[in-house]
N, C-alpha and C. Protein backbone atom coordinates (compact mmCIF):
# COMPACT_ATOMS: atom_id res chain seq x y z
N MET A 1 100.13 130.19 105.76
CA MET A 1 99.78 130.43 104.35
C MET A 1 100.09 131.88 103.99
N ASN A 2 100.73 132.09 102.85
CA ASN A 2 100.99 133.43 102.34
C ASN A 2 99.71 133.95 101.67
N ARG A 3 99.09 134.95 102.29
CA ARG A 3 97.80 135.43 101.78
C ARG A 3 97.93 136.48 100.68
N LYS A 4 99.13 137.02 100.48
CA LYS A 4 99.30 138.11 99.50
C LYS A 4 98.83 137.73 98.10
N PRO A 5 99.19 136.52 97.57
CA PRO A 5 98.72 136.18 96.23
C PRO A 5 97.20 136.16 96.12
N ILE A 6 96.53 135.78 97.21
CA ILE A 6 95.07 135.75 97.19
C ILE A 6 94.51 137.17 97.11
N PHE A 7 95.04 138.05 97.94
CA PHE A 7 94.59 139.44 97.93
C PHE A 7 94.87 140.08 96.58
N ASP A 8 96.06 139.81 96.02
CA ASP A 8 96.41 140.39 94.72
C ASP A 8 95.47 139.93 93.63
N ALA A 9 95.12 138.60 93.66
CA ALA A 9 94.25 138.05 92.63
C ALA A 9 92.85 138.65 92.72
N VAL A 10 92.33 138.79 93.94
CA VAL A 10 90.99 139.37 94.10
C VAL A 10 90.99 140.84 93.72
N ARG A 11 92.04 141.53 94.09
CA ARG A 11 92.15 142.96 93.73
C ARG A 11 92.15 143.13 92.22
N LYS A 12 92.86 142.23 91.52
CA LYS A 12 92.92 142.31 90.06
C LYS A 12 91.55 142.04 89.45
N MET A 13 90.80 141.06 90.01
CA MET A 13 89.47 140.76 89.50
C MET A 13 88.51 141.93 89.69
N LEU A 14 88.64 142.59 90.84
CA LEU A 14 87.76 143.72 91.11
C LEU A 14 88.15 144.97 90.33
N GLY A 15 89.42 145.06 89.99
CA GLY A 15 89.90 146.23 89.27
C GLY A 15 90.04 147.44 90.16
N ARG A 16 90.18 147.22 91.44
CA ARG A 16 90.32 148.33 92.40
C ARG A 16 90.92 147.80 93.69
N GLY A 17 91.19 148.71 94.60
CA GLY A 17 91.68 148.33 95.90
C GLY A 17 90.54 147.90 96.81
N PHE A 18 90.87 147.57 98.06
CA PHE A 18 89.88 147.11 99.02
C PHE A 18 89.52 148.21 100.01
N THR A 19 88.29 148.12 100.50
CA THR A 19 87.94 148.89 101.68
C THR A 19 88.43 148.12 102.89
N GLN A 20 88.51 148.79 104.03
CA GLN A 20 88.98 148.08 105.23
C GLN A 20 88.05 146.94 105.59
N ALA A 21 86.74 147.14 105.39
CA ALA A 21 85.78 146.08 105.69
C ALA A 21 86.02 144.86 104.81
N GLU A 22 86.36 145.11 103.53
CA GLU A 22 86.63 144.00 102.61
C GLU A 22 87.91 143.27 102.98
N VAL A 23 88.92 144.04 103.42
CA VAL A 23 90.17 143.43 103.86
C VAL A 23 89.91 142.50 105.04
N ASP A 24 89.12 143.01 106.01
CA ASP A 24 88.82 142.22 107.20
C ASP A 24 88.05 140.95 106.85
N ALA A 25 87.08 141.07 105.95
CA ALA A 25 86.26 139.92 105.57
C ALA A 25 87.10 138.87 104.84
N LEU A 26 87.94 139.32 103.92
CA LEU A 26 88.78 138.38 103.16
C LEU A 26 89.82 137.73 104.06
N ASP A 27 90.33 138.50 105.00
CA ASP A 27 91.31 137.97 105.94
C ASP A 27 90.68 136.88 106.81
N ALA A 28 89.43 137.11 107.24
CA ALA A 28 88.73 136.12 108.06
C ALA A 28 88.46 134.85 107.26
N ALA A 29 88.11 134.99 105.98
CA ALA A 29 87.85 133.83 105.13
C ALA A 29 89.12 133.00 104.96
N CYS A 30 90.24 133.67 104.76
CA CYS A 30 91.51 132.96 104.61
C CYS A 30 91.87 132.20 105.89
N ALA A 31 91.61 132.84 107.03
CA ALA A 31 91.91 132.21 108.31
C ALA A 31 91.07 130.95 108.51
N ALA A 32 89.81 131.01 108.07
CA ALA A 32 88.94 129.85 108.20
C ALA A 32 89.43 128.70 107.34
N VAL A 33 89.86 129.00 106.11
CA VAL A 33 90.39 127.97 105.22
C VAL A 33 91.65 127.35 105.81
N GLU A 34 92.53 128.18 106.36
CA GLU A 34 93.76 127.69 106.97
C GLU A 34 93.46 126.75 108.13
N ALA A 35 92.48 127.12 108.95
CA ALA A 35 92.12 126.28 110.09
C ALA A 35 91.58 124.94 109.63
N SER A 36 90.77 124.97 108.57
CA SER A 36 90.20 123.74 108.03
C SER A 36 91.28 122.82 107.50
N LEU A 37 92.24 123.40 106.77
CA LEU A 37 93.34 122.61 106.23
C LEU A 37 94.20 122.02 107.34
N ALA A 38 94.41 122.80 108.39
CA ALA A 38 95.22 122.32 109.50
C ALA A 38 94.55 121.13 110.16
N GLY A 39 93.22 121.18 110.31
CA GLY A 39 92.49 120.06 110.90
C GLY A 39 92.58 118.83 110.04
N SER A 40 92.51 119.01 108.72
CA SER A 40 92.58 117.86 107.82
C SER A 40 93.94 117.20 107.90
N ILE A 41 94.98 118.00 107.99
CA ILE A 41 96.33 117.46 108.06
C ILE A 41 96.54 116.73 109.38
N THR A 42 96.00 117.31 110.47
CA THR A 42 96.17 116.69 111.78
C THR A 42 95.49 115.34 111.85
N ASN A 43 94.31 115.22 111.21
CA ASN A 43 93.54 113.99 111.29
C ASN A 43 93.93 112.95 110.25
N LYS A 44 94.78 113.31 109.33
CA LYS A 44 95.15 112.37 108.28
C LYS A 44 96.04 111.28 108.85
N PRO A 45 95.69 110.01 108.66
CA PRO A 45 96.49 108.93 109.21
C PRO A 45 97.90 108.93 108.63
N ALA A 46 98.87 108.67 109.50
CA ALA A 46 100.24 108.59 109.03
C ALA A 46 100.40 107.36 108.14
N PRO A 47 101.07 107.49 107.01
CA PRO A 47 101.24 106.32 106.14
C PRO A 47 102.08 105.25 106.82
N LYS A 48 101.71 104.01 106.61
CA LYS A 48 102.49 102.89 107.17
C LYS A 48 103.69 102.64 106.26
N PRO A 49 104.88 102.61 106.85
CA PRO A 49 106.07 102.36 106.03
C PRO A 49 105.94 101.06 105.25
N ALA A 50 106.29 101.10 104.00
CA ALA A 50 106.20 99.91 103.16
C ALA A 50 107.30 98.93 103.55
N ALA A 51 106.97 97.65 103.56
CA ALA A 51 107.94 96.61 103.87
C ALA A 51 108.12 95.75 102.64
N ALA A 52 109.32 95.23 102.47
CA ALA A 52 109.59 94.34 101.35
C ALA A 52 109.48 92.90 101.83
N ALA A 53 108.96 92.04 100.97
CA ALA A 53 108.83 90.63 101.33
C ALA A 53 110.21 90.01 101.47
N VAL A 54 110.42 89.24 102.54
CA VAL A 54 111.73 88.61 102.76
C VAL A 54 111.64 87.09 102.71
N GLY A 55 110.44 86.55 102.62
CA GLY A 55 110.26 85.10 102.56
C GLY A 55 108.99 84.78 101.81
N LYS A 56 108.23 83.84 102.31
CA LYS A 56 106.94 83.53 101.70
C LYS A 56 106.00 84.73 101.80
N VAL A 57 105.07 84.80 100.87
CA VAL A 57 104.05 85.84 100.92
C VAL A 57 102.69 85.19 101.12
N LEU A 58 101.77 85.93 101.69
CA LEU A 58 100.43 85.41 101.94
C LEU A 58 99.74 85.08 100.62
N GLY A 59 99.12 83.90 100.57
CA GLY A 59 98.41 83.49 99.37
C GLY A 59 96.95 83.91 99.39
N PRO A 60 96.25 83.71 98.28
CA PRO A 60 94.83 84.10 98.18
C PRO A 60 93.96 83.43 99.24
N ALA A 61 94.23 82.16 99.55
CA ALA A 61 93.42 81.46 100.55
C ALA A 61 93.56 82.11 101.92
N GLY A 62 94.78 82.49 102.26
CA GLY A 62 95.02 83.14 103.54
C GLY A 62 94.38 84.51 103.62
N SER A 63 94.50 85.25 102.54
CA SER A 63 93.89 86.59 102.49
C SER A 63 92.38 86.49 102.66
N LYS A 64 91.78 85.53 101.98
CA LYS A 64 90.33 85.33 102.06
C LYS A 64 89.91 84.96 103.47
N LEU A 65 90.67 84.07 104.11
CA LEU A 65 90.34 83.64 105.46
C LEU A 65 90.40 84.84 106.42
N ILE A 66 91.48 85.58 106.36
CA ILE A 66 91.65 86.71 107.28
C ILE A 66 90.55 87.74 107.10
N LYS A 67 90.27 88.09 105.85
CA LYS A 67 89.24 89.10 105.60
C LYS A 67 87.86 88.62 106.02
N SER A 68 87.62 87.31 105.93
CA SER A 68 86.31 86.80 106.32
C SER A 68 86.05 86.97 107.81
N PHE A 69 87.12 86.97 108.61
CA PHE A 69 86.94 87.13 110.05
C PHE A 69 87.14 88.58 110.50
N GLU A 70 87.98 89.31 109.82
CA GLU A 70 88.21 90.70 110.21
C GLU A 70 87.07 91.61 109.74
N GLY A 71 86.55 91.31 108.53
CA GLY A 71 85.55 92.21 107.96
C GLY A 71 86.17 93.57 107.67
N CYS A 72 85.40 94.45 107.12
CA CYS A 72 85.84 95.85 106.96
C CYS A 72 84.73 96.66 107.62
N GLU A 73 84.88 96.86 108.92
CA GLU A 73 83.79 97.33 109.76
C GLU A 73 83.69 98.86 109.83
N ARG A 74 82.55 99.29 110.39
CA ARG A 74 82.26 100.68 110.71
C ARG A 74 82.28 101.59 109.48
N ARG A 75 81.55 101.15 108.46
CA ARG A 75 81.43 101.99 107.27
C ARG A 75 80.42 103.10 107.53
N ARG A 76 80.78 104.32 107.21
CA ARG A 76 79.91 105.46 107.44
C ARG A 76 79.02 105.71 106.23
N ALA A 77 78.09 106.64 106.40
CA ALA A 77 77.17 106.97 105.30
C ALA A 77 77.90 107.53 104.10
N ASP A 78 79.07 108.16 104.32
CA ASP A 78 79.82 108.73 103.20
C ASP A 78 80.73 107.71 102.53
N GLY A 79 80.66 106.43 102.96
CA GLY A 79 81.46 105.38 102.35
C GLY A 79 82.83 105.20 102.96
N LYS A 80 83.22 106.05 103.89
CA LYS A 80 84.51 105.92 104.55
C LYS A 80 84.35 105.06 105.81
N PHE A 81 85.48 104.66 106.37
CA PHE A 81 85.48 103.76 107.52
C PHE A 81 86.15 104.45 108.71
N GLU A 82 85.53 104.32 109.87
CA GLU A 82 86.09 104.96 111.05
C GLU A 82 86.66 103.93 112.01
N ALA A 83 87.64 104.35 112.80
CA ALA A 83 88.26 103.45 113.77
C ALA A 83 87.28 103.13 114.88
N TYR A 84 87.46 101.95 115.49
CA TYR A 84 86.58 101.51 116.57
C TYR A 84 87.39 100.74 117.60
N PRO A 85 86.94 100.72 118.86
CA PRO A 85 87.67 99.97 119.89
C PRO A 85 87.46 98.48 119.73
N ASP A 86 88.44 97.70 120.15
CA ASP A 86 88.34 96.24 120.09
C ASP A 86 87.15 95.81 120.95
N PRO A 87 86.12 95.22 120.34
CA PRO A 87 84.92 94.86 121.10
C PRO A 87 85.14 93.74 122.11
N GLY A 88 86.21 92.98 121.96
CA GLY A 88 86.44 91.86 122.88
C GLY A 88 87.37 92.19 124.03
N SER A 89 87.94 93.39 124.05
CA SER A 89 88.88 93.76 125.11
C SER A 89 88.20 94.60 126.18
N VAL A 90 88.63 94.41 127.41
CA VAL A 90 88.05 95.15 128.52
C VAL A 90 88.27 96.65 128.35
N ASP A 91 89.47 97.03 127.91
CA ASP A 91 89.79 98.45 127.77
C ASP A 91 89.55 98.98 126.35
N GLY A 92 89.04 98.12 125.45
CA GLY A 92 88.76 98.58 124.09
C GLY A 92 89.99 98.72 123.21
N LYS A 93 91.14 98.30 123.70
CA LYS A 93 92.37 98.43 122.93
C LYS A 93 92.74 97.09 122.31
N PRO A 94 93.37 97.10 121.14
CA PRO A 94 93.77 98.28 120.37
C PRO A 94 92.64 98.83 119.51
N TRP A 95 92.68 100.11 119.22
CA TRP A 95 91.75 100.69 118.26
C TRP A 95 92.05 100.10 116.89
N THR A 96 91.01 99.85 116.15
CA THR A 96 91.10 99.07 114.91
C THR A 96 90.38 99.79 113.78
N ILE A 97 90.84 99.56 112.55
CA ILE A 97 90.17 100.14 111.40
C ILE A 97 90.29 99.19 110.20
N GLY A 98 89.31 99.26 109.31
CA GLY A 98 89.37 98.48 108.08
C GLY A 98 89.42 96.99 108.33
N TRP A 99 90.38 96.32 107.70
CA TRP A 99 90.53 94.87 107.79
C TRP A 99 91.32 94.47 109.02
N GLY A 100 90.96 95.00 110.16
CA GLY A 100 91.63 94.62 111.41
C GLY A 100 92.95 95.33 111.64
N SER A 101 93.20 96.43 110.96
CA SER A 101 94.48 97.12 111.10
C SER A 101 94.56 97.90 112.41
N THR A 102 95.70 97.80 113.07
CA THR A 102 95.95 98.51 114.32
C THR A 102 97.31 99.20 114.22
N GLY A 103 97.63 100.00 115.21
CA GLY A 103 98.92 100.67 115.22
C GLY A 103 98.80 102.02 115.91
N PRO A 104 99.94 102.67 116.17
CA PRO A 104 99.92 103.96 116.87
C PRO A 104 99.18 105.05 116.12
N ASP A 105 99.01 104.89 114.81
CA ASP A 105 98.29 105.91 114.03
C ASP A 105 96.79 105.65 114.00
N ILE A 106 96.34 104.51 114.54
CA ILE A 106 94.91 104.20 114.55
C ILE A 106 94.37 104.53 115.94
N LYS A 107 93.49 105.50 116.00
CA LYS A 107 92.98 105.99 117.29
C LYS A 107 91.60 106.58 117.07
N PRO A 108 90.91 106.98 118.14
CA PRO A 108 89.58 107.58 117.97
C PRO A 108 89.63 108.76 116.99
N GLY A 109 88.72 108.75 116.03
CA GLY A 109 88.67 109.83 115.05
C GLY A 109 89.39 109.54 113.75
N THR A 110 90.17 108.43 113.70
CA THR A 110 90.85 108.06 112.47
C THR A 110 89.82 107.57 111.44
N VAL A 111 89.95 108.06 110.21
CA VAL A 111 89.03 107.69 109.14
C VAL A 111 89.82 107.29 107.90
N PHE A 112 89.46 106.17 107.29
CA PHE A 112 90.11 105.69 106.07
C PHE A 112 89.07 105.58 104.96
N THR A 113 89.52 105.76 103.73
CA THR A 113 88.70 105.39 102.58
C THR A 113 88.84 103.89 102.36
N GLN A 114 88.01 103.32 101.48
CA GLN A 114 88.15 101.90 101.17
C GLN A 114 89.53 101.60 100.61
N ALA A 115 90.03 102.49 99.76
CA ALA A 115 91.36 102.29 99.17
C ALA A 115 92.44 102.28 100.25
N GLN A 116 92.30 103.14 101.26
CA GLN A 116 93.28 103.17 102.35
C GLN A 116 93.20 101.89 103.19
N CYS A 117 91.97 101.40 103.43
CA CYS A 117 91.81 100.15 104.17
C CYS A 117 92.50 99.01 103.43
N ASP A 118 92.29 98.93 102.12
CA ASP A 118 92.86 97.85 101.31
C ASP A 118 94.38 97.95 101.26
N ALA A 119 94.89 99.17 101.08
CA ALA A 119 96.34 99.37 101.00
C ALA A 119 97.00 99.05 102.34
N ARG A 120 96.35 99.43 103.43
CA ARG A 120 96.91 99.15 104.75
C ARG A 120 96.93 97.64 105.00
N PHE A 121 95.88 96.94 104.60
CA PHE A 121 95.85 95.49 104.75
C PHE A 121 97.01 94.85 103.99
N ASP A 122 97.21 95.27 102.75
CA ASP A 122 98.30 94.70 101.95
C ASP A 122 99.66 94.94 102.61
N ALA A 123 99.85 96.15 103.15
CA ALA A 123 101.12 96.45 103.82
C ALA A 123 101.27 95.64 105.10
N ASP A 124 100.18 95.51 105.85
CA ASP A 124 100.22 94.70 107.07
C ASP A 124 100.58 93.25 106.76
N MET A 125 100.00 92.72 105.68
CA MET A 125 100.23 91.32 105.35
C MET A 125 101.69 91.05 105.01
N VAL A 126 102.34 92.00 104.36
CA VAL A 126 103.77 91.82 104.09
C VAL A 126 104.55 91.75 105.40
N SER A 127 104.24 92.66 106.31
CA SER A 127 104.95 92.69 107.60
C SER A 127 104.71 91.42 108.41
N TYR A 128 103.45 90.99 108.47
CA TYR A 128 103.14 89.79 109.25
C TYR A 128 103.69 88.53 108.59
N ALA A 129 103.65 88.47 107.27
CA ALA A 129 104.23 87.32 106.57
C ALA A 129 105.74 87.28 106.80
N ASN A 130 106.39 88.44 106.81
CA ASN A 130 107.82 88.48 107.10
C ASN A 130 108.12 87.94 108.49
N ALA A 131 107.28 88.31 109.46
CA ALA A 131 107.48 87.84 110.83
C ALA A 131 107.31 86.33 110.93
N VAL A 132 106.34 85.79 110.22
CA VAL A 132 106.13 84.34 110.22
C VAL A 132 107.30 83.64 109.54
N SER A 133 107.75 84.18 108.42
CA SER A 133 108.91 83.60 107.73
C SER A 133 110.12 83.57 108.64
N LYS A 134 110.34 84.64 109.37
CA LYS A 134 111.49 84.72 110.28
C LYS A 134 111.36 83.70 111.40
N ALA A 135 110.15 83.56 111.94
CA ALA A 135 109.93 82.62 113.05
C ALA A 135 110.10 81.17 112.61
N LEU A 136 109.69 80.86 111.39
CA LEU A 136 109.76 79.48 110.90
C LEU A 136 111.14 79.10 110.40
N GLY A 137 111.91 80.08 109.97
CA GLY A 137 113.23 79.77 109.44
C GLY A 137 113.14 78.86 108.23
N ALA A 138 113.93 77.80 108.22
CA ALA A 138 113.97 76.88 107.08
C ALA A 138 113.02 75.70 107.24
N ALA A 139 112.15 75.73 108.24
CA ALA A 139 111.23 74.61 108.46
C ALA A 139 110.32 74.39 107.25
N PRO A 140 110.20 73.17 106.76
CA PRO A 140 109.32 72.89 105.62
C PRO A 140 107.89 73.34 105.94
N THR A 141 107.33 74.12 105.05
CA THR A 141 106.00 74.71 105.28
C THR A 141 105.27 74.84 103.96
N THR A 142 104.08 74.28 103.88
CA THR A 142 103.30 74.44 102.66
C THR A 142 102.68 75.84 102.64
N GLN A 143 102.19 76.23 101.47
CA GLN A 143 101.56 77.55 101.37
C GLN A 143 100.33 77.65 102.28
N ASN A 144 99.54 76.58 102.35
CA ASN A 144 98.35 76.61 103.19
C ASN A 144 98.72 76.69 104.67
N GLN A 145 99.75 75.96 105.07
CA GLN A 145 100.21 76.06 106.46
C GLN A 145 100.69 77.47 106.75
N PHE A 146 101.44 78.03 105.83
CA PHE A 146 101.96 79.37 106.01
C PHE A 146 100.82 80.38 106.14
N ASP A 147 99.84 80.28 105.26
CA ASP A 147 98.71 81.22 105.29
C ASP A 147 97.96 81.12 106.62
N ALA A 148 97.76 79.89 107.10
CA ALA A 148 97.07 79.71 108.38
C ALA A 148 97.86 80.35 109.52
N LEU A 149 99.18 80.22 109.47
CA LEU A 149 100.03 80.79 110.51
C LEU A 149 100.06 82.31 110.45
N VAL A 150 99.98 82.88 109.24
CA VAL A 150 99.91 84.34 109.13
C VAL A 150 98.60 84.84 109.74
N SER A 151 97.50 84.14 109.47
CA SER A 151 96.22 84.51 110.06
C SER A 151 96.31 84.44 111.58
N PHE A 152 96.88 83.37 112.09
CA PHE A 152 97.06 83.20 113.53
C PHE A 152 97.87 84.36 114.12
N HIS A 153 98.97 84.69 113.46
CA HIS A 153 99.85 85.75 113.96
C HIS A 153 99.19 87.12 113.86
N TYR A 154 98.45 87.36 112.80
CA TYR A 154 97.77 88.66 112.64
C TYR A 154 96.76 88.87 113.76
N ASN A 155 96.16 87.79 114.21
CA ASN A 155 95.15 87.87 115.27
C ASN A 155 95.76 87.87 116.67
N THR A 156 96.88 87.15 116.85
CA THR A 156 97.43 86.97 118.20
C THR A 156 98.76 87.70 118.43
N GLY A 157 99.53 87.88 117.37
CA GLY A 157 100.86 88.47 117.52
C GLY A 157 101.85 87.55 118.21
N ALA A 158 101.57 86.22 118.23
CA ALA A 158 102.34 85.31 119.08
C ALA A 158 103.22 84.33 118.32
N ILE A 159 103.44 84.54 117.03
CA ILE A 159 104.15 83.54 116.24
C ILE A 159 105.56 83.26 116.76
N ALA A 160 106.21 84.24 117.35
CA ALA A 160 107.60 84.06 117.79
C ALA A 160 107.71 83.25 119.07
N THR A 161 106.65 83.18 119.86
CA THR A 161 106.73 82.53 121.18
C THR A 161 105.80 81.34 121.35
N ALA A 162 104.85 81.16 120.46
CA ALA A 162 103.83 80.12 120.64
C ALA A 162 104.41 78.71 120.53
N THR A 163 103.90 77.81 121.36
CA THR A 163 104.27 76.40 121.27
C THR A 163 103.86 75.84 119.91
N LEU A 164 102.81 76.39 119.35
CA LEU A 164 102.36 76.01 118.01
C LEU A 164 103.52 76.10 117.01
N THR A 165 104.26 77.19 117.08
CA THR A 165 105.38 77.41 116.16
C THR A 165 106.47 76.36 116.40
N LYS A 166 106.76 76.11 117.66
CA LYS A 166 107.80 75.12 117.99
C LYS A 166 107.43 73.75 117.44
N LYS A 167 106.16 73.36 117.60
CA LYS A 167 105.74 72.04 117.12
C LYS A 167 105.77 71.97 115.59
N HIS A 168 105.36 73.06 114.95
CA HIS A 168 105.42 73.07 113.48
C HIS A 168 106.86 72.92 113.00
N LYS A 169 107.77 73.64 113.60
CA LYS A 169 109.17 73.57 113.19
C LYS A 169 109.77 72.19 113.43
N ALA A 170 109.23 71.50 114.42
CA ALA A 170 109.72 70.14 114.73
C ALA A 170 109.07 69.10 113.83
N GLY A 171 108.16 69.54 112.96
CA GLY A 171 107.48 68.61 112.06
C GLY A 171 106.31 67.90 112.70
N ASP A 172 105.92 68.33 113.91
CA ASP A 172 104.78 67.74 114.61
C ASP A 172 103.52 68.50 114.20
N PHE A 173 103.04 68.23 113.00
CA PHE A 173 101.92 68.99 112.47
C PHE A 173 100.60 68.69 113.19
N GLU A 174 100.44 67.45 113.65
CA GLU A 174 99.23 67.13 114.41
C GLU A 174 99.23 67.88 115.74
N GLY A 175 100.39 67.92 116.36
CA GLY A 175 100.50 68.67 117.61
C GLY A 175 100.28 70.16 117.40
N ALA A 176 100.77 70.67 116.27
CA ALA A 176 100.58 72.09 115.95
C ALA A 176 99.11 72.41 115.77
N LYS A 177 98.39 71.52 115.10
CA LYS A 177 96.96 71.75 114.87
C LYS A 177 96.21 71.86 116.20
N ALA A 178 96.59 71.02 117.16
CA ALA A 178 95.94 71.07 118.47
C ALA A 178 96.23 72.38 119.19
N GLU A 179 97.41 72.94 118.94
CA GLU A 179 97.80 74.18 119.61
C GLU A 179 96.95 75.38 119.18
N PHE A 180 96.47 75.36 117.95
CA PHE A 180 95.64 76.48 117.49
C PHE A 180 94.49 76.73 118.48
N MET A 181 93.87 75.64 118.94
CA MET A 181 92.66 75.77 119.74
C MET A 181 92.91 76.24 121.17
N ARG A 182 94.16 76.42 121.52
CA ARG A 182 94.46 77.01 122.83
C ARG A 182 94.30 78.52 122.81
N TRP A 183 94.19 79.11 121.61
CA TRP A 183 94.16 80.56 121.48
C TRP A 183 92.73 81.03 121.15
N VAL A 184 91.85 80.87 122.12
CA VAL A 184 90.44 81.21 121.88
C VAL A 184 89.91 82.19 122.94
N ARG A 185 90.82 82.82 123.67
CA ARG A 185 90.40 83.76 124.71
C ARG A 185 90.87 85.17 124.42
N ASN A 186 90.07 86.12 124.84
CA ASN A 186 90.44 87.54 124.78
C ASN A 186 90.20 88.11 126.17
N ASP A 187 91.27 88.61 126.79
CA ASP A 187 91.20 89.08 128.18
C ASP A 187 90.65 87.99 129.10
N GLY A 188 91.06 86.73 128.85
CA GLY A 188 90.69 85.61 129.69
C GLY A 188 89.32 85.02 129.41
N LYS A 189 88.58 85.60 128.48
CA LYS A 189 87.23 85.14 128.19
C LYS A 189 87.21 84.38 126.86
N VAL A 190 86.62 83.18 126.87
CA VAL A 190 86.50 82.40 125.64
C VAL A 190 85.54 83.11 124.70
N MET A 191 85.97 83.29 123.44
CA MET A 191 85.17 84.00 122.45
C MET A 191 84.78 83.03 121.33
N GLN A 192 83.50 82.96 121.01
CA GLN A 192 83.06 82.07 119.94
C GLN A 192 83.69 82.45 118.62
N GLY A 193 83.85 83.74 118.39
CA GLY A 193 84.49 84.19 117.15
C GLY A 193 85.90 83.66 117.01
N LEU A 194 86.64 83.58 118.13
CA LEU A 194 88.00 83.05 118.09
C LEU A 194 87.99 81.54 117.89
N ILE A 195 87.02 80.86 118.48
CA ILE A 195 86.89 79.42 118.24
C ILE A 195 86.67 79.16 116.76
N ASN A 196 85.77 79.92 116.16
CA ASN A 196 85.48 79.75 114.73
C ASN A 196 86.71 80.04 113.88
N ARG A 197 87.45 81.07 114.26
CA ARG A 197 88.63 81.43 113.48
C ARG A 197 89.70 80.36 113.59
N ARG A 198 89.94 79.87 114.80
CA ARG A 198 90.95 78.82 114.97
C ARG A 198 90.59 77.57 114.18
N LYS A 199 89.31 77.21 114.18
CA LYS A 199 88.88 76.04 113.39
C LYS A 199 89.15 76.24 111.91
N ALA A 200 88.88 77.46 111.42
CA ALA A 200 89.12 77.76 109.99
C ALA A 200 90.61 77.70 109.69
N GLU A 201 91.43 78.19 110.63
CA GLU A 201 92.88 78.15 110.43
C GLU A 201 93.40 76.72 110.44
N VAL A 202 92.87 75.90 111.32
CA VAL A 202 93.27 74.48 111.35
C VAL A 202 92.88 73.80 110.04
N ALA A 203 91.68 74.10 109.55
CA ALA A 203 91.23 73.49 108.30
C ALA A 203 92.15 73.88 107.14
N LEU A 204 92.56 75.13 107.09
CA LEU A 204 93.49 75.57 106.04
C LEU A 204 94.86 74.96 106.24
N TYR A 205 95.33 74.93 107.47
CA TYR A 205 96.64 74.35 107.79
C TYR A 205 96.71 72.88 107.38
N SER A 206 95.56 72.19 107.46
CA SER A 206 95.52 70.76 107.19
C SER A 206 95.44 70.42 105.70
N LYS A 207 95.14 71.40 104.88
CA LYS A 207 95.01 71.14 103.44
C LYS A 207 96.37 70.86 102.81
N ALA A 208 96.38 69.96 101.86
CA ALA A 208 97.64 69.62 101.18
C ALA A 208 98.13 70.81 100.37
C-alpha cells in the first residue's frame, strides 16, 4: 500500500507537519490495516468459474430435493456459514459448505455469506447438470428423471460409470430405479440419510 496519500491527507487536516512519534504511530496504524486486508484477501474463497448449460437444466423439483438433503449447514451467529468436514467420512473429506458445495477452495476456515452459498449452488448445478447431460447423451429422459439423476450425481459423482446410468440409457427404467438403492454407503458404512435420499430420488425418477 502506498502510504504517502494517507500521510499527506492527515498532514493537511492538522495544518502542520508530524512529530517523529506521530509518524511512528501513523505508520503502525497503516501496517495494521494492511495486515488485516491481506488476511481478508487470503481467506476469501476463490470464485467458481461460471459454466454454461449445454443440455437439460435442473428443474425446481430437483433443486428442492437436493436442498432438502444437503441443508445449508453451520450457520454462525453473524449469519455467515463456515466450512465443515464430511460427517460421514472417516477422514472428514471433502470439506463442505452451504448447500453441499465442495472443491479445492473449500477448506477449514472458509466462510460464505448466504448469497455466496446460493450462488455457488446455482453454479454447481449447472456443472452437474452438464455432466449428467453428457453421460445420458440422446437417451430419452423426462425432467423428473433428469432431476433425480442430477441429485444422485451431486451426491455420488458417479453418473459416468454407474450401472444405473447404463440401465437408464437402455430404457430399463425399472432396473435403473433398483440401482439407486445400491448407493447407500459412505466409506463402506450404510447411512440412513443416504437410504432416505435414494428413496426420494427414486420417487422423483418415477414421476411422469
